[in-house]
Each structure stands twice: as C-alpha cells, then as structure tokens.
C-alpha cells in the first residue's frame, strides 16, 4: 500500500519514505489529459438518383448511347495540367443524347472525394460543352449533403471551360458543406474539360 502524507512530518519519518510520499502526492495532483482522437469517418449512403433516373433526368426523351473515353498519355498530361491535379481513372463513360441522329446532350457520371467518401453525380452538357444540369446521385456521409440542393447546383448552368468553376470565384459554397462544394465544383470542371479535350478537340 502506498503511504500518503496525512500526518505531521516529524523526524521519525525515514528520508526515503518522506521523498516517496511527496513525489506520489504531487503526481496525484497532475491532471489526466484524455488522448486526442481523430474524427472517425461515418459512412452513411444516401441514394437520390439511380443511374437510370439520372440519365432520364438529363436526357428526357432523347435516345441515349454510351461510349468509352480513354485519354492518351498526351491528353492525360494536358488534362492534368489544365485541372492542376492527377486523374486516376484510366477511362470514362460518356453518355450521348441524340434526336434524329443529332447530338443534343453529353453527360458524364463521376465520383469526387468528399471529406471521407466519394460523391457520385452526373453532369450534362450541351454539344458545345456548356454545363446544362448537375445532379447529386449518391452521397455517402452523415453531414455535408447540402450540395444536392438546387440553389447550389443551378450555379453551374451555362458554365464553360472559360469560367473558373471554382468555389470563392464563380461558385458560392453551401454552409456546412464546404468540402463537398469544392468537390462538386472540381468535378464539374473535370467533366467539361474531358468533353472539350476528348470529344470536341
């Protein structure tokens, strides 16, 4: 049993016992700090649109075809320089909406990382690669899904590669969804760049 200093100190206390009691007493007064824990990622999948629903929303009654876009090494390098980031995907599926054989819409379904998990969304564009619609399809976190709101997404309508397509420049973020706002903006710019470089050029 550890002795405590609960009696008057007298000469009868051995020096080692006095020193030990003082040290343990002082140590006992030190506050115990709880370890700092990193915020845990909480997965919470929220599906707003299936692939079929998303395609129907952006193409309406148009006939829809799909094809694979696979950038060459030179195209990938140019895209990465333009977007100022790496493009990890080896290929992309482009959806083409036609009426009487004429192209009226393009669309890409992309994933962009939010705070912890990817956000899946669709971007539709005119034949000149101006943004027509943006819709969030799947959100995978408990918080931050304000980016699905129309008042945020409608900001992208009509934007082209000549626009910054960047939060704090021509896009206003959603309060409480700042990281997600940056992710969607980056993804829309990526979609427009892909169509410009791999389809229209």
N, C-alpha and C. Protein backbone atom coordinates (compact mmCIF):
# COMPACT_ATOMS: atom_id res chain seq x y z
N UNK A 1 0.85 -1.20 0.00
CA UNK A 1 0.00 0.00 0.00
C UNK A 1 0.88 1.24 0.00
N UNK A 2 0.52 2.24 -0.88
CA UNK A 2 1.34 3.44 -0.98
C UNK A 2 1.00 4.38 0.16
N UNK A 3 1.99 4.81 0.95
CA UNK A 3 1.73 5.72 2.06
C UNK A 3 1.38 7.10 1.54
N UNK A 4 0.50 7.80 2.22
CA UNK A 4 0.14 9.16 1.85
C UNK A 4 0.53 10.10 2.97
N UNK A 5 0.69 11.36 2.61
CA UNK A 5 1.15 12.35 3.57
C UNK A 5 -0.05 12.93 4.30
N UNK A 6 -0.56 12.19 5.30
CA UNK A 6 -1.75 12.64 6.01
C UNK A 6 -1.48 12.84 7.50
N UNK A 7 -0.23 12.96 7.84
CA UNK A 7 0.14 13.19 9.24
C UNK A 7 1.26 14.20 9.28
N UNK A 8 1.44 14.89 10.42
CA UNK A 8 2.53 15.87 10.52
C UNK A 8 3.87 15.22 10.23
N UNK A 9 4.73 15.96 9.52
CA UNK A 9 6.05 15.43 9.21
C UNK A 9 6.94 15.58 10.43
N UNK A 10 7.51 14.49 10.85
CA UNK A 10 8.41 14.52 12.01
C UNK A 10 9.74 13.90 11.62
N UNK A 11 10.67 14.04 12.50
CA UNK A 11 12.00 13.48 12.24
C UNK A 11 11.97 11.95 12.21
N UNK A 12 10.84 11.38 12.69
CA UNK A 12 10.77 9.92 12.73
C UNK A 12 10.52 9.33 11.35
N UNK A 13 10.13 10.18 10.36
CA UNK A 13 9.90 9.67 9.01
C UNK A 13 11.25 9.38 8.35
N UNK A 14 11.44 8.20 7.82
CA UNK A 14 12.68 7.93 7.06
C UNK A 14 12.72 8.85 5.83
N UNK A 15 13.92 9.25 5.47
CA UNK A 15 14.04 10.19 4.35
C UNK A 15 13.46 9.62 3.06
N UNK A 16 13.70 8.31 2.80
CA UNK A 16 13.20 7.73 1.55
C UNK A 16 11.67 7.71 1.52
N UNK A 17 11.04 7.50 2.72
CA UNK A 17 9.59 7.45 2.79
C UNK A 17 9.00 8.84 2.60
N UNK A 18 9.67 9.85 3.17
CA UNK A 18 9.22 11.22 3.02
C UNK A 18 9.28 11.65 1.55
N UNK A 19 10.40 11.35 0.90
CA UNK A 19 10.57 11.72 -0.51
C UNK A 19 9.55 11.00 -1.39
N UNK A 20 9.34 9.69 -1.11
CA UNK A 20 8.40 8.90 -1.89
C UNK A 20 6.98 9.43 -1.74
N UNK A 21 6.61 9.80 -0.52
CA UNK A 21 5.26 10.30 -0.26
C UNK A 21 5.02 11.63 -0.95
N UNK A 22 6.04 12.51 -0.91
CA UNK A 22 5.91 13.80 -1.56
C UNK A 22 5.76 13.65 -3.07
N UNK A 23 6.56 12.75 -3.67
CA UNK A 23 6.51 12.56 -5.12
C UNK A 23 5.17 12.00 -5.57
N UNK A 24 4.72 10.95 -4.86
CA UNK A 24 3.44 10.34 -5.26
C UNK A 24 2.29 11.30 -5.04
N UNK A 25 2.39 12.13 -4.01
CA UNK A 25 1.33 13.11 -3.76
C UNK A 25 1.27 14.15 -4.85
N UNK A 26 2.44 14.61 -5.26
CA UNK A 26 2.48 15.61 -6.31
C UNK A 26 2.00 15.06 -7.63
N UNK A 27 2.40 13.81 -7.93
CA UNK A 27 1.97 13.19 -9.17
C UNK A 27 0.47 13.01 -9.20
N UNK A 28 -0.09 12.74 -8.05
CA UNK A 28 -1.53 12.53 -8.00
C UNK A 28 -2.32 13.79 -8.26
N UNK A 29 -1.65 14.95 -8.12
CA UNK A 29 -2.35 16.21 -8.38
C UNK A 29 -2.34 16.61 -9.84
N UNK A 30 -1.55 15.91 -10.67
CA UNK A 30 -1.46 16.27 -12.07
C UNK A 30 -2.73 15.90 -12.82
N UNK A 31 -3.28 16.80 -13.63
CA UNK A 31 -4.50 16.47 -14.39
C UNK A 31 -4.22 15.39 -15.42
N UNK A 32 -5.17 14.49 -15.58
CA UNK A 32 -5.04 13.43 -16.56
C UNK A 32 -5.71 13.88 -17.86
N UNK A 33 -4.90 14.11 -18.89
CA UNK A 33 -5.42 14.60 -20.16
C UNK A 33 -5.86 13.43 -21.02
N UNK A 34 -7.08 13.53 -21.55
CA UNK A 34 -7.59 12.47 -22.42
C UNK A 34 -6.88 12.55 -23.77
N UNK A 35 -6.55 11.42 -24.36
CA UNK A 35 -5.89 11.44 -25.67
C UNK A 35 -6.81 12.05 -26.73
N UNK A 36 -6.20 12.84 -27.63
CA UNK A 36 -6.96 13.46 -28.70
C UNK A 36 -7.24 12.41 -29.77
N UNK A 37 -8.50 12.23 -30.10
CA UNK A 37 -8.87 11.25 -31.10
C UNK A 37 -9.26 11.94 -32.40
N UNK A 38 -8.78 11.38 -33.50
CA UNK A 38 -9.16 11.91 -34.81
C UNK A 38 -10.63 11.61 -35.07
N UNK A 39 -11.26 12.51 -35.80
CA UNK A 39 -12.67 12.31 -36.12
C UNK A 39 -12.82 11.08 -36.99
N UNK A 40 -13.70 10.19 -36.59
CA UNK A 40 -13.92 8.97 -37.35
C UNK A 40 -14.87 9.23 -38.51
N UNK A 41 -14.55 8.62 -39.65
CA UNK A 41 -15.42 8.75 -40.81
C UNK A 41 -16.66 7.91 -40.59
N UNK A 42 -17.82 8.52 -40.73
CA UNK A 42 -19.08 7.81 -40.53
C UNK A 42 -19.74 7.61 -41.89
N UNK A 43 -19.80 6.37 -42.35
CA UNK A 43 -20.37 6.07 -43.66
C UNK A 43 -21.88 6.06 -43.56
N UNK A 44 -22.53 6.79 -44.45
CA UNK A 44 -23.98 6.85 -44.46
C UNK A 44 -24.44 7.09 -45.89
N UNK A 45 -24.73 6.01 -46.59
CA UNK A 45 -25.09 6.13 -48.02
C UNK A 45 -26.51 6.64 -48.21
N UNK A 46 -26.62 7.70 -48.99
CA UNK A 46 -27.91 8.29 -49.32
C UNK A 46 -28.04 8.33 -50.84
N UNK A 47 -28.94 7.53 -51.37
CA UNK A 47 -29.12 7.45 -52.82
C UNK A 47 -30.28 8.36 -53.23
N UNK A 48 -29.98 9.33 -54.05
CA UNK A 48 -31.00 10.27 -54.52
C UNK A 48 -31.49 9.91 -55.93
N UNK A 49 -30.57 9.40 -56.76
CA UNK A 49 -30.92 9.03 -58.12
C UNK A 49 -30.16 7.77 -58.51
N UNK A 50 -30.86 6.81 -59.12
CA UNK A 50 -30.18 5.67 -59.71
C UNK A 50 -29.57 6.13 -61.04
N UNK A 51 -28.76 5.29 -61.66
CA UNK A 51 -28.18 5.67 -62.95
C UNK A 51 -29.29 5.92 -63.98
N UNK A 52 -30.27 5.04 -64.04
CA UNK A 52 -31.37 5.22 -65.00
C UNK A 52 -32.14 6.51 -64.74
N UNK A 53 -32.40 6.80 -63.47
CA UNK A 53 -33.13 8.02 -63.13
C UNK A 53 -32.33 9.27 -63.50
N UNK A 54 -31.01 9.23 -63.25
CA UNK A 54 -30.16 10.38 -63.56
C UNK A 54 -30.12 10.63 -65.06
N UNK A 55 -29.97 9.56 -65.83
CA UNK A 55 -29.93 9.71 -67.29
C UNK A 55 -31.27 10.22 -67.82
N UNK A 56 -32.35 9.73 -67.25
CA UNK A 56 -33.67 10.19 -67.65
C UNK A 56 -33.86 11.68 -67.33
N UNK A 57 -33.33 12.09 -66.19
CA UNK A 57 -33.48 13.49 -65.78
C UNK A 57 -32.77 14.44 -66.74
N UNK A 58 -31.56 14.07 -67.17
CA UNK A 58 -30.78 14.99 -68.01
C UNK A 58 -31.06 14.85 -69.50
N UNK A 59 -31.53 13.68 -69.94
CA UNK A 59 -31.76 13.46 -71.37
C UNK A 59 -33.23 13.49 -71.77
N UNK A 60 -34.12 13.31 -70.82
CA UNK A 60 -35.54 13.33 -71.16
C UNK A 60 -35.89 12.28 -72.20
N UNK A 61 -36.46 12.72 -73.31
CA UNK A 61 -36.92 11.79 -74.35
C UNK A 61 -35.85 11.50 -75.41
N UNK A 62 -34.65 12.02 -75.25
CA UNK A 62 -33.59 11.77 -76.22
C UNK A 62 -33.18 10.29 -76.18
N UNK A 63 -32.73 9.78 -77.31
CA UNK A 63 -32.17 8.42 -77.32
C UNK A 63 -30.74 8.53 -76.76
N UNK A 64 -30.35 7.53 -75.99
CA UNK A 64 -29.07 7.61 -75.28
C UNK A 64 -28.13 6.50 -75.74
N UNK A 65 -26.92 6.90 -76.07
CA UNK A 65 -25.86 5.96 -76.39
C UNK A 65 -24.71 6.19 -75.41
N UNK A 66 -23.84 5.22 -75.30
CA UNK A 66 -22.66 5.40 -74.44
C UNK A 66 -21.41 4.94 -75.17
N UNK A 67 -20.32 5.59 -74.82
CA UNK A 67 -19.03 5.16 -75.37
C UNK A 67 -17.93 5.45 -74.35
N UNK A 68 -16.84 4.74 -74.50
CA UNK A 68 -15.73 4.88 -73.56
C UNK A 68 -14.74 5.92 -74.06
N UNK A 69 -14.38 6.81 -73.17
CA UNK A 69 -13.34 7.79 -73.45
C UNK A 69 -12.07 7.36 -72.73
N UNK A 70 -11.03 7.11 -73.49
CA UNK A 70 -9.77 6.68 -72.90
C UNK A 70 -8.67 7.64 -73.35
N UNK A 71 -8.30 8.58 -72.48
CA UNK A 71 -7.29 9.58 -72.89
C UNK A 71 -5.93 8.96 -73.16
N UNK A 72 -5.28 9.47 -74.19
CA UNK A 72 -3.91 9.05 -74.47
C UNK A 72 -2.99 9.67 -73.42
N UNK A 73 -1.73 9.26 -73.44
CA UNK A 73 -0.77 9.81 -72.47
C UNK A 73 -0.66 11.32 -72.63
N UNK A 74 -0.65 11.79 -73.88
CA UNK A 74 -0.52 13.22 -74.13
C UNK A 74 -1.79 13.96 -73.67
N UNK A 75 -2.95 13.38 -73.93
CA UNK A 75 -4.20 14.01 -73.50
C UNK A 75 -4.31 14.04 -71.98
N UNK A 76 -3.90 12.95 -71.34
CA UNK A 76 -3.94 12.91 -69.87
C UNK A 76 -3.02 13.98 -69.28
N UNK A 77 -1.85 14.12 -69.86
CA UNK A 77 -0.90 15.13 -69.37
C UNK A 77 -1.49 16.53 -69.53
N UNK A 78 -2.12 16.78 -70.66
CA UNK A 78 -2.71 18.09 -70.91
C UNK A 78 -3.88 18.36 -69.96
N UNK A 79 -4.70 17.34 -69.72
CA UNK A 79 -5.82 17.49 -68.80
C UNK A 79 -5.35 17.75 -67.37
N UNK A 80 -4.34 17.02 -66.95
CA UNK A 80 -3.83 17.18 -65.59
C UNK A 80 -3.21 18.56 -65.40
N UNK A 81 -2.57 19.07 -66.42
CA UNK A 81 -2.00 20.42 -66.34
C UNK A 81 -3.12 21.45 -66.27
N UNK A 82 -4.15 21.24 -67.06
CA UNK A 82 -5.28 22.16 -67.10
C UNK A 82 -6.05 22.17 -65.79
N UNK A 83 -6.23 20.98 -65.21
CA UNK A 83 -7.01 20.85 -63.98
C UNK A 83 -6.17 21.00 -62.72
N UNK A 84 -4.85 20.98 -62.88
CA UNK A 84 -3.90 21.12 -61.77
C UNK A 84 -4.06 20.00 -60.74
N UNK A 85 -4.29 18.78 -61.23
CA UNK A 85 -4.36 17.62 -60.36
C UNK A 85 -4.28 16.34 -61.17
N UNK A 86 -4.05 15.23 -60.48
CA UNK A 86 -3.95 13.94 -61.13
C UNK A 86 -5.33 13.42 -61.52
N UNK A 87 -5.37 12.63 -62.59
CA UNK A 87 -6.59 11.95 -63.00
C UNK A 87 -6.34 10.45 -62.85
N UNK A 88 -6.84 9.85 -61.77
CA UNK A 88 -6.53 8.44 -61.52
C UNK A 88 -7.29 7.44 -62.40
N UNK A 89 -8.45 7.86 -62.94
CA UNK A 89 -9.26 6.93 -63.70
C UNK A 89 -8.63 6.68 -65.09
N UNK A 90 -8.54 5.41 -65.52
CA UNK A 90 -7.96 5.11 -66.83
C UNK A 90 -8.91 5.44 -67.98
N UNK A 91 -10.22 5.47 -67.70
CA UNK A 91 -11.19 5.75 -68.74
C UNK A 91 -12.49 6.29 -68.14
N UNK A 92 -13.35 6.81 -69.01
CA UNK A 92 -14.61 7.42 -68.58
C UNK A 92 -15.72 6.99 -69.54
N UNK A 93 -16.92 6.83 -69.00
CA UNK A 93 -18.07 6.51 -69.85
C UNK A 93 -18.82 7.79 -70.19
N UNK A 94 -18.89 8.08 -71.48
CA UNK A 94 -19.60 9.26 -71.96
C UNK A 94 -20.98 8.82 -72.45
N UNK A 95 -22.01 9.53 -71.99
CA UNK A 95 -23.37 9.28 -72.46
C UNK A 95 -23.74 10.38 -73.45
N UNK A 96 -24.31 9.96 -74.57
CA UNK A 96 -24.63 10.90 -75.64
C UNK A 96 -26.13 10.85 -75.91
N UNK A 97 -26.80 12.00 -75.80
CA UNK A 97 -28.23 12.09 -76.08
C UNK A 97 -28.46 12.62 -77.48
N UNK A 98 -29.22 11.87 -78.26
CA UNK A 98 -29.44 12.26 -79.65
C UNK A 98 -30.92 12.34 -79.97
N UNK A 99 -31.23 13.18 -80.95
CA UNK A 99 -32.57 13.24 -81.52
C UNK A 99 -32.43 13.24 -83.04
N UNK A 100 -33.03 12.26 -83.67
CA UNK A 100 -32.92 12.10 -85.13
C UNK A 100 -31.46 12.04 -85.57
N UNK A 101 -30.65 11.37 -84.76
CA UNK A 101 -29.24 11.18 -85.10
C UNK A 101 -28.36 12.36 -84.78
N UNK A 102 -28.90 13.46 -84.29
CA UNK A 102 -28.11 14.65 -83.99
C UNK A 102 -27.84 14.74 -82.49
N UNK A 103 -26.59 15.01 -82.14
CA UNK A 103 -26.21 15.13 -80.72
C UNK A 103 -26.82 16.38 -80.11
N UNK A 104 -27.53 16.20 -79.00
CA UNK A 104 -28.12 17.34 -78.30
C UNK A 104 -27.60 17.48 -76.87
N UNK A 105 -27.06 16.42 -76.31
CA UNK A 105 -26.52 16.48 -74.94
C UNK A 105 -25.39 15.46 -74.78
N UNK A 106 -24.44 15.83 -73.91
CA UNK A 106 -23.43 14.90 -73.42
C UNK A 106 -23.61 14.81 -71.91
N UNK A 107 -23.19 13.69 -71.34
CA UNK A 107 -23.23 13.57 -69.87
C UNK A 107 -22.15 12.62 -69.39
N UNK A 108 -21.64 12.91 -68.21
CA UNK A 108 -20.67 12.05 -67.54
C UNK A 108 -21.14 11.83 -66.11
N UNK A 109 -21.00 10.61 -65.64
CA UNK A 109 -21.24 10.30 -64.23
C UNK A 109 -19.88 10.11 -63.58
N UNK A 110 -19.60 10.92 -62.58
CA UNK A 110 -18.27 10.95 -61.97
C UNK A 110 -18.35 10.77 -60.45
N UNK A 111 -17.22 10.42 -59.87
CA UNK A 111 -17.05 10.37 -58.42
C UNK A 111 -15.97 11.36 -58.04
N UNK A 112 -16.25 12.15 -57.01
CA UNK A 112 -15.25 13.03 -56.43
C UNK A 112 -15.24 12.82 -54.93
N UNK A 113 -14.06 12.75 -54.35
CA UNK A 113 -13.96 12.52 -52.91
C UNK A 113 -14.47 13.71 -52.13
N UNK A 114 -15.37 13.44 -51.16
CA UNK A 114 -15.83 14.47 -50.24
C UNK A 114 -14.85 14.53 -49.08
N UNK A 115 -15.35 14.69 -47.86
CA UNK A 115 -14.45 14.75 -46.71
C UNK A 115 -13.78 13.40 -46.49
N UNK A 116 -14.57 12.32 -46.60
CA UNK A 116 -14.03 10.99 -46.40
C UNK A 116 -14.35 10.03 -47.55
N UNK A 117 -15.53 10.15 -48.11
CA UNK A 117 -16.01 9.19 -49.10
C UNK A 117 -16.39 9.89 -50.40
N UNK A 118 -16.43 9.14 -51.52
CA UNK A 118 -16.76 9.76 -52.80
C UNK A 118 -18.21 10.18 -52.93
N UNK A 119 -18.43 11.24 -53.68
CA UNK A 119 -19.76 11.72 -54.03
C UNK A 119 -19.97 11.36 -55.50
N UNK A 120 -21.07 10.71 -55.81
CA UNK A 120 -21.39 10.36 -57.20
C UNK A 120 -22.39 11.37 -57.75
N UNK A 121 -22.11 11.91 -58.93
CA UNK A 121 -23.00 12.92 -59.50
C UNK A 121 -22.94 12.85 -61.02
N UNK A 122 -23.92 13.44 -61.67
CA UNK A 122 -23.97 13.48 -63.13
C UNK A 122 -23.88 14.93 -63.59
N UNK A 123 -23.15 15.13 -64.67
CA UNK A 123 -23.02 16.45 -65.30
C UNK A 123 -23.45 16.31 -66.75
N UNK A 124 -24.48 17.05 -67.15
CA UNK A 124 -24.86 17.05 -68.57
C UNK A 124 -24.44 18.37 -69.20
N UNK A 125 -24.11 18.29 -70.48
CA UNK A 125 -23.59 19.45 -71.21
C UNK A 125 -24.21 19.55 -72.58
N UNK A 126 -24.20 20.75 -73.13
CA UNK A 126 -24.66 20.98 -74.49
C UNK A 126 -23.61 20.42 -75.46
N UNK A 127 -23.92 20.39 -76.76
CA UNK A 127 -22.92 19.94 -77.74
C UNK A 127 -21.66 20.79 -77.76
N UNK A 128 -21.75 22.00 -77.21
CA UNK A 128 -20.56 22.88 -77.12
C UNK A 128 -19.87 22.77 -75.76
N UNK A 129 -20.28 21.80 -74.94
CA UNK A 129 -19.69 21.54 -73.62
C UNK A 129 -19.95 22.65 -72.61
N UNK A 130 -21.10 23.31 -72.73
CA UNK A 130 -21.55 24.22 -71.68
C UNK A 130 -22.41 23.40 -70.72
N UNK A 131 -22.27 23.64 -69.43
CA UNK A 131 -22.99 22.84 -68.44
C UNK A 131 -24.49 23.09 -68.56
N UNK A 132 -25.25 22.00 -68.58
CA UNK A 132 -26.70 22.09 -68.62
C UNK A 132 -27.26 21.79 -67.23
N UNK A 133 -27.03 20.57 -66.75
CA UNK A 133 -27.53 20.18 -65.43
C UNK A 133 -26.43 19.48 -64.63
N UNK A 134 -26.53 19.60 -63.31
CA UNK A 134 -25.70 18.84 -62.38
C UNK A 134 -26.64 18.27 -61.32
N UNK A 135 -26.52 16.99 -61.04
CA UNK A 135 -27.37 16.37 -60.02
C UNK A 135 -26.56 15.38 -59.20
N UNK A 136 -26.71 15.47 -57.88
CA UNK A 136 -26.05 14.51 -56.98
C UNK A 136 -26.85 13.22 -56.98
N UNK A 137 -26.17 12.10 -57.20
CA UNK A 137 -26.82 10.80 -57.26
C UNK A 137 -26.68 10.03 -55.94
N UNK A 138 -25.46 9.98 -55.42
CA UNK A 138 -25.21 9.26 -54.17
C UNK A 138 -24.29 10.08 -53.29
N UNK A 139 -24.70 10.26 -52.02
CA UNK A 139 -23.87 10.94 -51.02
C UNK A 139 -23.61 9.93 -49.90
N UNK A 140 -22.38 9.87 -49.41
CA UNK A 140 -22.00 8.75 -48.54
C UNK A 140 -21.54 9.16 -47.14
N UNK A 141 -21.92 10.34 -46.69
CA UNK A 141 -21.53 10.77 -45.35
C UNK A 141 -22.74 11.30 -44.61
N UNK A 142 -22.63 11.35 -43.29
CA UNK A 142 -23.75 11.77 -42.45
C UNK A 142 -24.06 13.25 -42.62
N UNK A 143 -23.02 14.07 -42.84
CA UNK A 143 -23.21 15.51 -42.95
C UNK A 143 -22.62 16.04 -44.25
N UNK A 144 -23.08 17.21 -44.65
CA UNK A 144 -22.49 17.87 -45.81
C UNK A 144 -23.24 17.68 -47.12
N UNK A 145 -24.43 17.07 -47.07
CA UNK A 145 -25.14 16.78 -48.31
C UNK A 145 -25.94 17.97 -48.84
N UNK A 146 -25.67 19.15 -48.31
CA UNK A 146 -26.36 20.35 -48.80
C UNK A 146 -26.08 20.63 -50.27
N UNK A 147 -25.02 20.01 -50.81
CA UNK A 147 -24.68 20.23 -52.22
C UNK A 147 -25.72 19.65 -53.17
N UNK A 148 -26.64 18.88 -52.66
CA UNK A 148 -27.69 18.33 -53.54
C UNK A 148 -28.77 19.36 -53.84
N UNK A 149 -28.76 20.47 -53.12
CA UNK A 149 -29.82 21.48 -53.26
C UNK A 149 -29.72 22.22 -54.59
N UNK A 150 -30.88 22.54 -55.13
CA UNK A 150 -30.95 23.21 -56.44
C UNK A 150 -30.26 24.57 -56.41
N UNK A 151 -30.36 25.29 -55.29
CA UNK A 151 -29.77 26.64 -55.25
C UNK A 151 -28.25 26.61 -55.36
N UNK A 152 -27.63 25.49 -55.00
CA UNK A 152 -26.20 25.34 -55.21
C UNK A 152 -25.91 24.87 -56.63
N UNK A 153 -26.59 23.83 -57.07
CA UNK A 153 -26.30 23.21 -58.36
C UNK A 153 -26.63 24.11 -59.55
N UNK A 154 -27.63 24.96 -59.41
CA UNK A 154 -28.01 25.81 -60.54
C UNK A 154 -26.94 26.84 -60.89
N UNK A 155 -25.98 27.06 -59.99
CA UNK A 155 -24.87 27.98 -60.27
C UNK A 155 -24.02 27.53 -61.45
N UNK A 156 -24.04 26.22 -61.72
CA UNK A 156 -23.18 25.68 -62.78
C UNK A 156 -23.79 25.82 -64.17
N UNK A 157 -25.08 26.10 -64.25
CA UNK A 157 -25.75 26.16 -65.55
C UNK A 157 -25.10 27.20 -66.46
N UNK A 158 -24.78 26.77 -67.67
CA UNK A 158 -24.19 27.67 -68.66
C UNK A 158 -22.70 27.86 -68.55
N UNK A 159 -22.07 27.30 -67.52
CA UNK A 159 -20.62 27.46 -67.35
C UNK A 159 -19.86 26.67 -68.41
N UNK A 160 -18.74 27.21 -68.84
CA UNK A 160 -17.86 26.54 -69.81
C UNK A 160 -16.45 26.51 -69.25
N UNK A 161 -15.54 25.99 -70.05
CA UNK A 161 -14.15 25.90 -69.60
C UNK A 161 -13.50 27.27 -69.49
N UNK A 162 -14.16 28.30 -70.02
CA UNK A 162 -13.64 29.66 -69.89
C UNK A 162 -13.91 30.22 -68.49
N UNK A 163 -14.81 29.58 -67.76
CA UNK A 163 -15.14 30.01 -66.39
C UNK A 163 -14.24 29.32 -65.38
N UNK A 164 -14.00 29.97 -64.24
CA UNK A 164 -13.14 29.34 -63.22
C UNK A 164 -13.69 28.00 -62.70
N UNK A 165 -15.04 27.94 -62.53
CA UNK A 165 -15.67 26.75 -61.95
C UNK A 165 -14.97 26.37 -60.65
N UNK A 166 -14.90 27.34 -59.75
CA UNK A 166 -14.17 27.15 -58.50
C UNK A 166 -14.86 27.91 -57.38
N UNK A 167 -14.94 27.28 -56.22
CA UNK A 167 -15.52 27.92 -55.05
C UNK A 167 -14.71 29.17 -54.70
N UNK A 168 -15.42 30.20 -54.28
CA UNK A 168 -14.86 31.52 -53.93
C UNK A 168 -14.45 32.34 -55.14
N UNK A 169 -14.73 31.81 -56.33
CA UNK A 169 -14.51 32.61 -57.53
C UNK A 169 -15.86 32.82 -58.24
N UNK A 170 -16.35 31.80 -58.91
CA UNK A 170 -17.67 31.96 -59.54
C UNK A 170 -18.72 31.02 -58.94
N UNK A 171 -18.33 30.25 -57.93
CA UNK A 171 -19.25 29.34 -57.25
C UNK A 171 -19.27 29.67 -55.76
N UNK A 172 -20.48 29.80 -55.20
CA UNK A 172 -20.64 30.06 -53.77
C UNK A 172 -20.92 28.74 -53.06
N UNK A 173 -20.12 28.43 -52.04
CA UNK A 173 -20.29 27.16 -51.34
C UNK A 173 -21.53 27.17 -50.45
N UNK A 174 -21.95 25.97 -50.08
CA UNK A 174 -23.07 25.80 -49.17
C UNK A 174 -22.53 25.72 -47.74
N UNK A 175 -23.06 26.54 -46.84
CA UNK A 175 -22.62 26.50 -45.44
C UNK A 175 -22.88 25.12 -44.86
N UNK A 176 -21.86 24.57 -44.21
CA UNK A 176 -21.98 23.23 -43.65
C UNK A 176 -21.61 22.14 -44.65
N UNK A 177 -21.36 22.54 -45.89
CA UNK A 177 -20.98 21.58 -46.95
C UNK A 177 -19.81 22.13 -47.75
N UNK A 178 -18.87 22.77 -47.07
CA UNK A 178 -17.78 23.45 -47.77
C UNK A 178 -16.91 22.49 -48.58
N UNK A 179 -16.48 21.40 -47.96
CA UNK A 179 -15.62 20.44 -48.67
C UNK A 179 -16.37 19.83 -49.83
N UNK A 180 -17.63 19.47 -49.62
CA UNK A 180 -18.44 18.89 -50.69
C UNK A 180 -18.64 19.89 -51.83
N UNK A 181 -18.77 21.16 -51.49
CA UNK A 181 -18.93 22.19 -52.52
C UNK A 181 -17.69 22.26 -53.41
N UNK A 182 -16.52 22.23 -52.79
CA UNK A 182 -15.27 22.22 -53.55
C UNK A 182 -15.18 20.98 -54.43
N UNK A 183 -15.62 19.84 -53.89
CA UNK A 183 -15.54 18.58 -54.64
C UNK A 183 -16.43 18.61 -55.88
N UNK A 184 -17.66 19.07 -55.72
CA UNK A 184 -18.58 19.13 -56.86
C UNK A 184 -18.06 20.11 -57.91
N UNK A 185 -17.59 21.27 -57.48
CA UNK A 185 -17.07 22.26 -58.42
C UNK A 185 -15.89 21.69 -59.22
N UNK A 186 -15.00 21.01 -58.52
CA UNK A 186 -13.84 20.40 -59.20
C UNK A 186 -14.29 19.33 -60.18
N UNK A 187 -15.31 18.56 -59.79
CA UNK A 187 -15.82 17.51 -60.66
C UNK A 187 -16.50 18.04 -61.90
N UNK A 188 -17.23 19.14 -61.76
CA UNK A 188 -17.90 19.74 -62.92
C UNK A 188 -16.85 20.27 -63.90
N UNK A 189 -15.85 20.93 -63.38
CA UNK A 189 -14.78 21.43 -64.25
C UNK A 189 -14.08 20.27 -64.96
N UNK A 190 -13.91 19.18 -64.26
CA UNK A 190 -13.29 17.99 -64.84
C UNK A 190 -14.14 17.45 -65.99
N UNK A 191 -15.46 17.38 -65.78
CA UNK A 191 -16.36 16.88 -66.81
C UNK A 191 -16.29 17.74 -68.07
N UNK A 192 -16.31 19.06 -67.88
CA UNK A 192 -16.25 19.98 -69.02
C UNK A 192 -14.92 19.84 -69.76
N UNK A 193 -13.84 19.70 -69.01
CA UNK A 193 -12.51 19.55 -69.62
C UNK A 193 -12.42 18.24 -70.40
N UNK A 194 -12.99 17.16 -69.86
CA UNK A 194 -12.95 15.87 -70.55
C UNK A 194 -13.66 15.93 -71.89
N UNK A 195 -14.84 16.54 -71.91
CA UNK A 195 -15.59 16.63 -73.17
C UNK A 195 -14.86 17.53 -74.17
N UNK A 196 -14.33 18.65 -73.69
CA UNK A 196 -13.57 19.54 -74.58
C UNK A 196 -12.37 18.85 -75.19
N UNK A 197 -11.62 18.13 -74.36
CA UNK A 197 -10.36 17.52 -74.82
C UNK A 197 -10.56 16.23 -75.58
N UNK A 198 -11.47 15.38 -75.11
CA UNK A 198 -11.60 14.03 -75.68
C UNK A 198 -12.71 13.88 -76.72
N UNK A 199 -13.60 14.87 -76.78
CA UNK A 199 -14.72 14.78 -77.73
C UNK A 199 -14.69 15.89 -78.77
N UNK A 200 -14.55 17.12 -78.32
CA UNK A 200 -14.67 18.25 -79.24
C UNK A 200 -13.38 18.62 -79.93
N UNK A 201 -12.24 18.33 -79.33
CA UNK A 201 -10.95 18.72 -79.92
C UNK A 201 -10.63 17.84 -81.13
